[in-house]
Amino acid sequence: MIQLLEILGKDYKSLKDVIIRTDFDSETLESFSKAGINAPVSDGKFNGDLYFFTFKIEKYKIEFLRNKICQIDFIEDKNKTLEIIDYLRTVKDFEFKFISKQQVEETEWEIMEDNTEEESFTEFKRKRFEFDPSSQFDANNIDKYSFMAFRSDDVNIIIKEEFTENRSFFVFEIYKSPNIEDFN
């Protein structure tokens, strides 16, 4: 059993026994090694079951930054997403915020930088959302939210609904709060 929050932020070398690299085949990795090249890890999967607290995760993607697991994304259906949200709301370390789709639609774009007069014709816009702590979360209608987020001192969890032609699902993006050392 591999616990997501325990391996998040860890270096690949310390997790070699639980990660199978899928970015290169073993022959290529051996060739790199003989040539003295330490190929950075870009893709992999776990050789055991992945859990987020008590929830077994079936479909996930590991993201690496400088050979460390910087983010794990996974998808779930609406029912399991509700179970996970209900559980996370009981964890005292997490602060919970949410923004409705209606709020996103009604919020005006704010121009951050306007270079349209110059040759590049670039304009940077953003939407800024204020979370109202007095607003009540409607667990029975999670599809009305643009995103939901849990945050602690160490971990950020963003939950968004995505769609295919046939169905909707929820994407969980879980990442450690970055330290400046992660980028050196």
N, C-alpha and C. Protein backbone atom coordinates (compact mmCIF):
# COMPACT_ATOMS: atom_id res chain seq x y z
N MET A 1 0.85 -1.18 0.00
CA MET A 1 0.00 0.00 0.00
C MET A 1 0.89 1.24 0.00
N ILE A 2 0.66 2.12 -0.94
CA ILE A 2 1.43 3.35 -1.07
C ILE A 2 0.51 4.51 -0.70
N GLN A 3 0.90 5.28 0.29
CA GLN A 3 0.08 6.39 0.77
C GLN A 3 0.52 7.67 0.06
N LEU A 4 -0.37 8.28 -0.70
CA LEU A 4 -0.07 9.43 -1.54
C LEU A 4 0.64 10.54 -0.77
N LEU A 5 0.12 10.94 0.35
CA LEU A 5 0.70 12.07 1.08
C LEU A 5 2.08 11.77 1.64
N GLU A 6 2.41 10.49 1.82
CA GLU A 6 3.73 10.13 2.34
C GLU A 6 4.81 10.19 1.28
N ILE A 7 4.45 9.99 0.02
CA ILE A 7 5.47 9.98 -1.04
C ILE A 7 5.53 11.30 -1.81
N LEU A 8 4.55 12.16 -1.61
CA LEU A 8 4.53 13.45 -2.28
C LEU A 8 5.73 14.28 -1.85
N GLY A 9 6.49 14.78 -2.82
CA GLY A 9 7.67 15.59 -2.52
C GLY A 9 8.95 14.79 -2.35
N LYS A 10 8.86 13.47 -2.38
CA LYS A 10 10.05 12.63 -2.19
C LYS A 10 10.81 12.48 -3.50
N ASP A 11 12.10 12.24 -3.36
CA ASP A 11 13.00 12.06 -4.48
C ASP A 11 12.82 10.66 -5.08
N TYR A 12 12.96 10.56 -6.39
CA TYR A 12 12.81 9.28 -7.08
C TYR A 12 13.75 8.22 -6.51
N LYS A 13 15.00 8.60 -6.22
CA LYS A 13 15.97 7.61 -5.73
C LYS A 13 15.48 6.93 -4.46
N SER A 14 14.82 7.68 -3.58
CA SER A 14 14.34 7.08 -2.34
C SER A 14 13.08 6.24 -2.55
N LEU A 15 12.49 6.32 -3.74
CA LEU A 15 11.25 5.59 -4.03
C LEU A 15 11.41 4.56 -5.15
N LYS A 16 12.67 4.26 -5.52
CA LYS A 16 12.91 3.34 -6.64
C LYS A 16 12.20 2.00 -6.47
N ASP A 17 12.02 1.58 -5.22
CA ASP A 17 11.38 0.27 -4.99
C ASP A 17 9.86 0.30 -5.18
N VAL A 18 9.25 1.48 -5.29
CA VAL A 18 7.79 1.56 -5.47
C VAL A 18 7.38 2.23 -6.79
N ILE A 19 8.34 2.77 -7.54
CA ILE A 19 8.02 3.43 -8.82
C ILE A 19 8.64 2.66 -9.98
N ILE A 20 7.84 2.43 -10.99
CA ILE A 20 8.33 1.85 -12.23
C ILE A 20 8.38 2.97 -13.25
N ARG A 21 9.57 3.21 -13.79
CA ARG A 21 9.69 4.26 -14.80
C ARG A 21 9.02 3.82 -16.09
N THR A 22 8.25 4.72 -16.68
CA THR A 22 7.61 4.43 -17.97
C THR A 22 8.05 5.41 -19.04
N ASP A 23 8.99 6.29 -18.70
CA ASP A 23 9.48 7.26 -19.68
C ASP A 23 10.52 6.65 -20.61
N PHE A 24 11.31 5.70 -20.12
CA PHE A 24 12.32 5.02 -20.93
C PHE A 24 12.25 3.53 -20.62
N ASP A 25 12.58 2.70 -21.62
CA ASP A 25 12.66 1.27 -21.33
C ASP A 25 13.98 0.98 -20.62
N SER A 26 14.11 -0.22 -20.07
CA SER A 26 15.29 -0.56 -19.27
C SER A 26 16.58 -0.52 -20.09
N GLU A 27 16.50 -0.88 -21.37
CA GLU A 27 17.68 -0.84 -22.25
C GLU A 27 18.20 0.59 -22.39
N THR A 28 17.29 1.51 -22.64
CA THR A 28 17.68 2.92 -22.80
C THR A 28 18.27 3.47 -21.51
N LEU A 29 17.65 3.15 -20.39
CA LEU A 29 18.17 3.62 -19.10
C LEU A 29 19.56 3.06 -18.83
N GLU A 30 19.77 1.80 -19.21
CA GLU A 30 21.09 1.18 -19.04
C GLU A 30 22.12 1.88 -19.93
N SER A 31 21.73 2.22 -21.16
CA SER A 31 22.63 2.93 -22.07
C SER A 31 23.00 4.30 -21.50
N PHE A 32 22.00 5.00 -20.96
CA PHE A 32 22.27 6.29 -20.32
C PHE A 32 23.26 6.12 -19.19
N SER A 33 23.04 5.12 -18.37
CA SER A 33 23.89 4.89 -17.20
C SER A 33 25.33 4.62 -17.63
N LYS A 34 25.52 3.78 -18.65
CA LYS A 34 26.86 3.48 -19.16
C LYS A 34 27.54 4.73 -19.71
N ALA A 35 26.75 5.64 -20.26
CA ALA A 35 27.30 6.88 -20.82
C ALA A 35 27.48 7.95 -19.75
N GLY A 36 27.13 7.63 -18.51
CA GLY A 36 27.28 8.60 -17.42
C GLY A 36 26.18 9.64 -17.39
N ILE A 37 25.06 9.35 -18.03
CA ILE A 37 23.94 10.29 -18.07
C ILE A 37 22.89 9.85 -17.06
N ASN A 38 22.53 10.77 -16.19
CA ASN A 38 21.47 10.51 -15.22
C ASN A 38 20.19 11.13 -15.77
N ALA A 39 19.43 10.34 -16.51
CA ALA A 39 18.23 10.85 -17.18
C ALA A 39 17.17 11.25 -16.15
N PRO A 40 16.67 12.48 -16.24
CA PRO A 40 15.63 12.91 -15.30
C PRO A 40 14.35 12.09 -15.49
N VAL A 41 13.66 11.85 -14.40
CA VAL A 41 12.42 11.09 -14.44
C VAL A 41 11.31 12.00 -14.95
N SER A 42 10.57 11.53 -15.95
CA SER A 42 9.46 12.33 -16.46
C SER A 42 8.13 11.59 -16.40
N ASP A 43 8.17 10.27 -16.25
CA ASP A 43 6.92 9.52 -16.20
C ASP A 43 7.14 8.22 -15.45
N GLY A 44 6.12 7.81 -14.71
CA GLY A 44 6.22 6.56 -13.97
C GLY A 44 4.89 6.15 -13.41
N LYS A 45 4.88 4.95 -12.84
CA LYS A 45 3.68 4.45 -12.16
C LYS A 45 4.14 3.68 -10.93
N PHE A 46 3.22 3.46 -10.02
CA PHE A 46 3.55 2.75 -8.79
C PHE A 46 3.38 1.25 -9.01
N ASN A 47 4.22 0.47 -8.33
CA ASN A 47 4.13 -0.98 -8.47
C ASN A 47 3.17 -1.60 -7.45
N GLY A 48 2.49 -0.77 -6.70
CA GLY A 48 1.50 -1.23 -5.72
C GLY A 48 0.29 -0.33 -5.76
N ASP A 49 -0.65 -0.62 -4.89
CA ASP A 49 -1.88 0.17 -4.83
C ASP A 49 -1.62 1.53 -4.19
N LEU A 50 -2.17 2.57 -4.81
CA LEU A 50 -2.04 3.94 -4.31
C LEU A 50 -3.30 4.30 -3.53
N TYR A 51 -3.08 4.88 -2.35
CA TYR A 51 -4.19 5.32 -1.50
C TYR A 51 -4.05 6.79 -1.15
N PHE A 52 -5.18 7.46 -1.08
CA PHE A 52 -5.26 8.82 -0.57
C PHE A 52 -6.10 8.71 0.69
N PHE A 53 -5.44 8.76 1.84
CA PHE A 53 -6.04 8.41 3.12
C PHE A 53 -6.54 6.97 3.00
N THR A 54 -7.84 6.72 3.11
CA THR A 54 -8.36 5.35 3.02
C THR A 54 -8.93 5.03 1.64
N PHE A 55 -8.82 5.95 0.71
CA PHE A 55 -9.43 5.80 -0.60
C PHE A 55 -8.42 5.25 -1.60
N LYS A 56 -8.76 4.12 -2.21
CA LYS A 56 -7.89 3.52 -3.22
C LYS A 56 -8.03 4.32 -4.52
N ILE A 57 -6.90 4.68 -5.10
CA ILE A 57 -6.86 5.48 -6.33
C ILE A 57 -6.50 4.56 -7.50
N GLU A 58 -7.36 4.54 -8.50
CA GLU A 58 -7.15 3.65 -9.65
C GLU A 58 -6.44 4.36 -10.81
N LYS A 59 -6.91 5.57 -11.16
CA LYS A 59 -6.38 6.28 -12.32
C LYS A 59 -5.66 7.53 -11.85
N TYR A 60 -4.36 7.58 -12.07
CA TYR A 60 -3.56 8.70 -11.57
C TYR A 60 -2.43 9.02 -12.54
N LYS A 61 -1.84 10.18 -12.34
CA LYS A 61 -0.67 10.64 -13.11
C LYS A 61 0.30 11.25 -12.12
N ILE A 62 1.55 10.80 -12.18
CA ILE A 62 2.60 11.34 -11.32
C ILE A 62 3.34 12.41 -12.10
N GLU A 63 3.56 13.57 -11.49
CA GLU A 63 4.33 14.63 -12.13
C GLU A 63 5.61 14.84 -11.33
N PHE A 64 6.71 14.94 -12.06
CA PHE A 64 8.02 15.08 -11.44
C PHE A 64 8.61 16.46 -11.71
N LEU A 65 9.35 16.98 -10.76
CA LEU A 65 10.14 18.20 -10.93
C LEU A 65 11.49 17.91 -10.30
N ARG A 66 12.53 17.94 -11.12
CA ARG A 66 13.88 17.65 -10.64
C ARG A 66 13.95 16.33 -9.88
N ASN A 67 13.34 15.32 -10.48
CA ASN A 67 13.33 13.96 -9.96
C ASN A 67 12.59 13.79 -8.64
N LYS A 68 11.78 14.76 -8.27
CA LYS A 68 10.94 14.64 -7.09
C LYS A 68 9.48 14.57 -7.54
N ILE A 69 8.68 13.83 -6.79
CA ILE A 69 7.25 13.80 -7.07
C ILE A 69 6.68 15.13 -6.60
N CYS A 70 6.33 15.99 -7.54
CA CYS A 70 5.83 17.32 -7.16
C CYS A 70 4.31 17.38 -7.15
N GLN A 71 3.66 16.48 -7.89
CA GLN A 71 2.21 16.52 -7.96
C GLN A 71 1.69 15.16 -8.39
N ILE A 72 0.55 14.79 -7.85
CA ILE A 72 -0.16 13.59 -8.30
C ILE A 72 -1.59 14.01 -8.60
N ASP A 73 -2.02 13.71 -9.81
CA ASP A 73 -3.39 13.99 -10.23
C ASP A 73 -4.12 12.66 -10.32
N PHE A 74 -5.38 12.66 -9.94
CA PHE A 74 -6.20 11.47 -10.14
C PHE A 74 -7.63 11.87 -10.42
N ILE A 75 -8.39 10.93 -10.98
CA ILE A 75 -9.78 11.22 -11.33
C ILE A 75 -10.70 10.27 -10.57
N GLU A 76 -11.90 10.78 -10.28
CA GLU A 76 -12.92 9.99 -9.59
C GLU A 76 -14.29 10.38 -10.12
N ASP A 77 -15.25 9.51 -9.89
CA ASP A 77 -16.64 9.83 -10.23
C ASP A 77 -17.23 10.72 -9.14
N LYS A 78 -18.44 11.16 -9.36
CA LYS A 78 -19.08 12.10 -8.43
C LYS A 78 -19.26 11.51 -7.04
N ASN A 79 -19.69 10.26 -6.95
CA ASN A 79 -19.95 9.65 -5.65
C ASN A 79 -18.68 9.52 -4.80
N LYS A 80 -17.61 9.04 -5.42
CA LYS A 80 -16.36 8.89 -4.65
C LYS A 80 -15.79 10.26 -4.31
N THR A 81 -15.96 11.23 -5.22
CA THR A 81 -15.51 12.60 -4.94
C THR A 81 -16.22 13.15 -3.72
N LEU A 82 -17.51 12.91 -3.63
CA LEU A 82 -18.28 13.35 -2.46
C LEU A 82 -17.75 12.70 -1.18
N GLU A 83 -17.45 11.42 -1.24
CA GLU A 83 -16.90 10.72 -0.07
C GLU A 83 -15.58 11.33 0.36
N ILE A 84 -14.72 11.61 -0.62
CA ILE A 84 -13.40 12.19 -0.30
C ILE A 84 -13.57 13.59 0.28
N ILE A 85 -14.43 14.40 -0.32
CA ILE A 85 -14.66 15.76 0.20
C ILE A 85 -15.20 15.70 1.62
N ASP A 86 -16.18 14.83 1.86
CA ASP A 86 -16.73 14.69 3.21
C ASP A 86 -15.64 14.33 4.21
N TYR A 87 -14.76 13.43 3.81
CA TYR A 87 -13.67 13.03 4.70
C TYR A 87 -12.70 14.20 4.94
N LEU A 88 -12.28 14.86 3.86
CA LEU A 88 -11.31 15.96 3.98
C LEU A 88 -11.84 17.10 4.85
N ARG A 89 -13.14 17.31 4.81
CA ARG A 89 -13.72 18.38 5.62
C ARG A 89 -13.62 18.09 7.12
N THR A 90 -13.36 16.84 7.49
CA THR A 90 -13.20 16.48 8.90
C THR A 90 -11.75 16.58 9.36
N VAL A 91 -10.83 16.74 8.41
CA VAL A 91 -9.40 16.83 8.76
C VAL A 91 -9.11 18.27 9.17
N LYS A 92 -8.75 18.46 10.42
CA LYS A 92 -8.62 19.82 10.97
C LYS A 92 -7.48 20.62 10.34
N ASP A 93 -6.48 19.95 9.76
CA ASP A 93 -5.35 20.67 9.17
C ASP A 93 -5.71 21.38 7.87
N PHE A 94 -6.82 21.01 7.25
CA PHE A 94 -7.18 21.56 5.95
C PHE A 94 -8.17 22.72 6.06
N GLU A 95 -7.86 23.76 5.31
CA GLU A 95 -8.78 24.88 5.12
C GLU A 95 -9.52 24.60 3.81
N PHE A 96 -10.83 24.74 3.79
CA PHE A 96 -11.64 24.40 2.63
C PHE A 96 -12.24 25.65 2.02
N LYS A 97 -12.07 25.80 0.70
CA LYS A 97 -12.66 26.92 -0.04
C LYS A 97 -13.28 26.39 -1.32
N PHE A 98 -14.23 27.13 -1.85
CA PHE A 98 -14.89 26.73 -3.09
C PHE A 98 -15.40 27.97 -3.81
N ILE A 99 -15.44 27.88 -5.13
CA ILE A 99 -15.93 28.96 -5.98
C ILE A 99 -16.96 28.36 -6.93
N SER A 100 -18.13 28.98 -7.01
CA SER A 100 -19.19 28.45 -7.87
C SER A 100 -18.94 28.81 -9.34
N LYS A 101 -19.53 28.02 -10.21
CA LYS A 101 -19.44 28.31 -11.64
C LYS A 101 -20.11 29.65 -11.94
N GLN A 102 -21.18 29.95 -11.23
CA GLN A 102 -21.88 31.22 -11.42
C GLN A 102 -20.96 32.39 -11.07
N GLN A 103 -20.21 32.27 -9.99
CA GLN A 103 -19.29 33.34 -9.60
C GLN A 103 -18.20 33.54 -10.66
N VAL A 104 -17.73 32.45 -11.24
CA VAL A 104 -16.72 32.55 -12.30
C VAL A 104 -17.29 33.28 -13.51
N GLU A 105 -18.51 32.93 -13.89
CA GLU A 105 -19.15 33.56 -15.05
C GLU A 105 -19.40 35.05 -14.82
N GLU A 106 -19.77 35.42 -13.61
CA GLU A 106 -20.13 36.81 -13.31
C GLU A 106 -18.94 37.71 -13.01
N THR A 107 -17.79 37.13 -12.78
CA THR A 107 -16.61 37.93 -12.45
C THR A 107 -15.98 38.48 -13.72
N GLU A 108 -15.69 39.76 -13.71
CA GLU A 108 -15.09 40.43 -14.87
C GLU A 108 -13.59 40.12 -14.95
N TRP A 109 -13.10 40.11 -16.18
CA TRP A 109 -11.67 39.96 -16.40
C TRP A 109 -10.96 41.24 -15.98
N GLU A 110 -9.81 41.08 -15.40
CA GLU A 110 -9.00 42.21 -14.96
C GLU A 110 -7.71 42.20 -15.80
N ILE A 111 -7.41 43.32 -16.43
CA ILE A 111 -6.20 43.39 -17.25
C ILE A 111 -4.99 43.60 -16.34
N MET A 112 -4.04 42.67 -16.43
CA MET A 112 -2.83 42.75 -15.61
C MET A 112 -1.74 43.53 -16.32
N GLU A 113 -1.60 43.24 -17.61
CA GLU A 113 -0.54 43.88 -18.38
C GLU A 113 -1.05 44.00 -19.82
N ASP A 114 -0.95 45.19 -20.36
CA ASP A 114 -1.48 45.42 -21.70
C ASP A 114 -0.34 45.89 -22.59
N ASN A 115 0.05 45.01 -23.52
CA ASN A 115 1.11 45.34 -24.48
C ASN A 115 0.55 45.41 -25.90
N THR A 116 -0.74 45.64 -26.03
CA THR A 116 -1.35 45.59 -27.35
C THR A 116 -0.88 46.72 -28.25
N GLU A 117 -0.34 47.77 -27.66
CA GLU A 117 0.15 48.89 -28.47
C GLU A 117 1.51 48.57 -29.08
N GLU A 118 2.21 47.61 -28.48
CA GLU A 118 3.53 47.22 -28.99
C GLU A 118 3.35 46.16 -30.06
N GLU A 119 4.47 45.72 -30.60
CA GLU A 119 4.44 44.74 -31.68
C GLU A 119 3.86 43.39 -31.27
N SER A 120 4.04 42.99 -30.04
CA SER A 120 3.66 41.63 -29.64
C SER A 120 2.16 41.41 -29.49
N PHE A 121 1.41 42.46 -29.31
CA PHE A 121 -0.04 42.38 -29.19
C PHE A 121 -0.49 41.42 -28.08
N THR A 122 0.17 41.48 -26.95
CA THR A 122 -0.20 40.59 -25.85
C THR A 122 -0.96 41.35 -24.79
N GLU A 123 -1.90 40.66 -24.22
CA GLU A 123 -2.66 41.23 -23.12
C GLU A 123 -2.87 40.11 -22.10
N PHE A 124 -2.50 40.36 -20.87
CA PHE A 124 -2.67 39.36 -19.81
C PHE A 124 -3.86 39.75 -18.97
N LYS A 125 -4.78 38.80 -18.84
CA LYS A 125 -5.98 39.05 -18.04
C LYS A 125 -6.08 37.95 -16.99
N ARG A 126 -6.78 38.28 -15.93
CA ARG A 126 -7.06 37.28 -14.90
C ARG A 126 -8.39 37.60 -14.24
N LYS A 127 -8.91 36.60 -13.59
CA LYS A 127 -10.10 36.77 -12.77
C LYS A 127 -9.68 36.53 -11.33
N ARG A 128 -10.09 37.40 -10.47
CA ARG A 128 -9.76 37.28 -9.05
C ARG A 128 -11.06 36.99 -8.30
N PHE A 129 -11.02 35.96 -7.48
CA PHE A 129 -12.22 35.54 -6.76
C PHE A 129 -12.03 35.71 -5.27
N GLU A 130 -13.02 36.28 -4.67
CA GLU A 130 -13.03 36.41 -3.21
C GLU A 130 -13.90 35.28 -2.65
N PHE A 131 -13.35 34.55 -1.71
CA PHE A 131 -14.12 33.50 -1.07
C PHE A 131 -14.88 34.08 0.10
N ASP A 132 -16.16 33.80 0.15
CA ASP A 132 -17.00 34.26 1.24
C ASP A 132 -17.09 33.15 2.29
N PRO A 133 -16.39 33.32 3.43
CA PRO A 133 -16.38 32.25 4.44
C PRO A 133 -17.75 31.94 5.03
N SER A 134 -18.70 32.85 4.87
CA SER A 134 -20.04 32.60 5.41
C SER A 134 -20.89 31.77 4.46
N SER A 135 -20.42 31.56 3.23
CA SER A 135 -21.22 30.79 2.27
C SER A 135 -21.23 29.31 2.67
N GLN A 136 -22.35 28.69 2.42
CA GLN A 136 -22.54 27.28 2.77
C GLN A 136 -22.21 26.39 1.57
N PHE A 137 -21.45 25.35 1.82
CA PHE A 137 -21.12 24.39 0.78
C PHE A 137 -22.29 23.43 0.59
N ASP A 138 -22.70 23.26 -0.66
CA ASP A 138 -23.82 22.37 -0.99
C ASP A 138 -23.26 21.04 -1.50
N ALA A 139 -23.08 20.10 -0.60
CA ALA A 139 -22.48 18.81 -0.95
C ALA A 139 -23.36 18.01 -1.90
N ASN A 140 -24.65 18.30 -1.93
CA ASN A 140 -25.55 17.57 -2.83
C ASN A 140 -25.46 18.05 -4.27
N ASN A 141 -24.81 19.18 -4.49
CA ASN A 141 -24.70 19.76 -5.84
C ASN A 141 -23.27 20.19 -6.14
N ILE A 142 -22.32 19.26 -6.02
CA ILE A 142 -20.92 19.66 -6.22
C ILE A 142 -20.63 20.06 -7.66
N ASP A 143 -21.50 19.66 -8.58
CA ASP A 143 -21.27 20.04 -9.97
C ASP A 143 -21.59 21.51 -10.24
N LYS A 144 -22.05 22.24 -9.25
CA LYS A 144 -22.29 23.68 -9.44
C LYS A 144 -21.04 24.50 -9.11
N TYR A 145 -19.97 23.83 -8.69
CA TYR A 145 -18.74 24.54 -8.32
C TYR A 145 -17.71 24.47 -9.44
N SER A 146 -17.07 25.60 -9.69
CA SER A 146 -16.00 25.65 -10.67
C SER A 146 -14.78 24.90 -10.15
N PHE A 147 -14.48 25.11 -8.87
CA PHE A 147 -13.45 24.32 -8.21
C PHE A 147 -13.64 24.36 -6.71
N MET A 148 -13.07 23.36 -6.08
CA MET A 148 -13.06 23.25 -4.62
C MET A 148 -11.61 23.02 -4.24
N ALA A 149 -11.20 23.56 -3.11
CA ALA A 149 -9.79 23.45 -2.74
C ALA A 149 -9.64 23.23 -1.24
N PHE A 150 -8.68 22.39 -0.91
CA PHE A 150 -8.27 22.17 0.47
C PHE A 150 -6.81 22.57 0.55
N ARG A 151 -6.46 23.22 1.65
CA ARG A 151 -5.08 23.70 1.78
C ARG A 151 -4.63 23.51 3.22
N SER A 152 -3.41 23.03 3.37
CA SER A 152 -2.77 22.95 4.68
C SER A 152 -1.42 23.65 4.55
N ASP A 153 -0.61 23.59 5.59
CA ASP A 153 0.71 24.20 5.51
C ASP A 153 1.59 23.51 4.47
N ASP A 154 1.34 22.22 4.24
CA ASP A 154 2.21 21.43 3.36
C ASP A 154 1.61 21.05 2.02
N VAL A 155 0.29 20.92 1.96
CA VAL A 155 -0.35 20.32 0.80
C VAL A 155 -1.50 21.18 0.28
N ASN A 156 -1.63 21.19 -1.05
CA ASN A 156 -2.77 21.84 -1.71
C ASN A 156 -3.52 20.78 -2.51
N ILE A 157 -4.83 20.83 -2.43
CA ILE A 157 -5.68 19.90 -3.17
C ILE A 157 -6.72 20.72 -3.92
N ILE A 158 -6.71 20.60 -5.23
CA ILE A 158 -7.69 21.31 -6.06
C ILE A 158 -8.56 20.26 -6.74
N ILE A 159 -9.86 20.47 -6.69
CA ILE A 159 -10.81 19.53 -7.27
C ILE A 159 -11.65 20.29 -8.30
N LYS A 160 -11.64 19.78 -9.55
CA LYS A 160 -12.39 20.42 -10.64
C LYS A 160 -13.18 19.37 -11.41
N GLU A 161 -14.32 19.78 -11.89
CA GLU A 161 -15.11 18.89 -12.74
C GLU A 161 -14.66 19.06 -14.18
N GLU A 162 -14.48 17.94 -14.87
CA GLU A 162 -14.12 17.93 -16.29
C GLU A 162 -15.14 17.08 -17.03
N PHE A 163 -15.15 17.22 -18.35
CA PHE A 163 -16.16 16.54 -19.15
C PHE A 163 -15.54 15.86 -20.35
N THR A 164 -16.14 14.73 -20.74
CA THR A 164 -15.89 14.12 -22.04
C THR A 164 -17.23 14.19 -22.77
N GLU A 165 -17.30 13.64 -23.95
CA GLU A 165 -18.57 13.64 -24.69
C GLU A 165 -19.65 12.88 -23.94
N ASN A 166 -19.26 11.84 -23.22
CA ASN A 166 -20.24 10.93 -22.61
C ASN A 166 -20.51 11.16 -21.13
N ARG A 167 -19.56 11.76 -20.42
CA ARG A 167 -19.73 11.83 -18.97
C ARG A 167 -18.88 12.94 -18.37
N SER A 168 -19.13 13.17 -17.09
CA SER A 168 -18.27 14.10 -16.35
C SER A 168 -17.52 13.31 -15.28
N PHE A 169 -16.43 13.87 -14.82
CA PHE A 169 -15.63 13.27 -13.76
C PHE A 169 -14.93 14.39 -13.03
N PHE A 170 -14.33 14.08 -11.90
CA PHE A 170 -13.65 15.09 -11.10
C PHE A 170 -12.16 14.80 -11.06
N VAL A 171 -11.37 15.86 -11.29
CA VAL A 171 -9.92 15.76 -11.27
C VAL A 171 -9.42 16.33 -9.95
N PHE A 172 -8.58 15.56 -9.28
CA PHE A 172 -7.92 15.99 -8.06
C PHE A 172 -6.47 16.30 -8.42
N GLU A 173 -6.02 17.51 -8.12
CA GLU A 173 -4.61 17.88 -8.30
C GLU A 173 -4.05 18.07 -6.90
N ILE A 174 -3.10 17.23 -6.52
CA ILE A 174 -2.55 17.28 -5.17
C ILE A 174 -1.06 17.56 -5.28
N TYR A 175 -0.63 18.64 -4.64
CA TYR A 175 0.78 19.00 -4.70
C TYR A 175 1.23 19.61 -3.38
N LYS A 176 2.52 19.46 -3.14
CA LYS A 176 3.11 20.05 -1.94
C LYS A 176 3.30 21.54 -2.19
N SER A 177 3.17 22.31 -1.14
CA SER A 177 3.48 23.73 -1.25
C SER A 177 4.97 23.83 -1.56
N PRO A 178 5.34 24.49 -2.66
CA PRO A 178 6.74 24.48 -3.08
C PRO A 178 7.65 25.26 -2.13
N ASN A 179 8.85 24.72 -1.97
CA ASN A 179 9.91 25.41 -1.24
C ASN A 179 10.87 25.97 -2.27
N ILE A 180 11.57 27.02 -1.93
CA ILE A 180 12.52 27.62 -2.87
C ILE A 180 13.61 26.61 -3.24
N GLU A 181 13.93 25.67 -2.33
CA GLU A 181 14.95 24.66 -2.62
C GLU A 181 14.53 23.76 -3.78
N ASP A 182 13.22 23.60 -3.99
CA ASP A 182 12.74 22.75 -5.07
C ASP A 182 13.13 23.29 -6.44
N PHE A 183 13.44 24.56 -6.53
CA PHE A 183 13.74 25.17 -7.82
C PHE A 183 15.22 25.47 -8.01
N ASN A 184 16.02 25.15 -7.04
CA ASN A 184 17.48 25.38 -7.15
C ASN A 184 18.17 24.19 -7.76
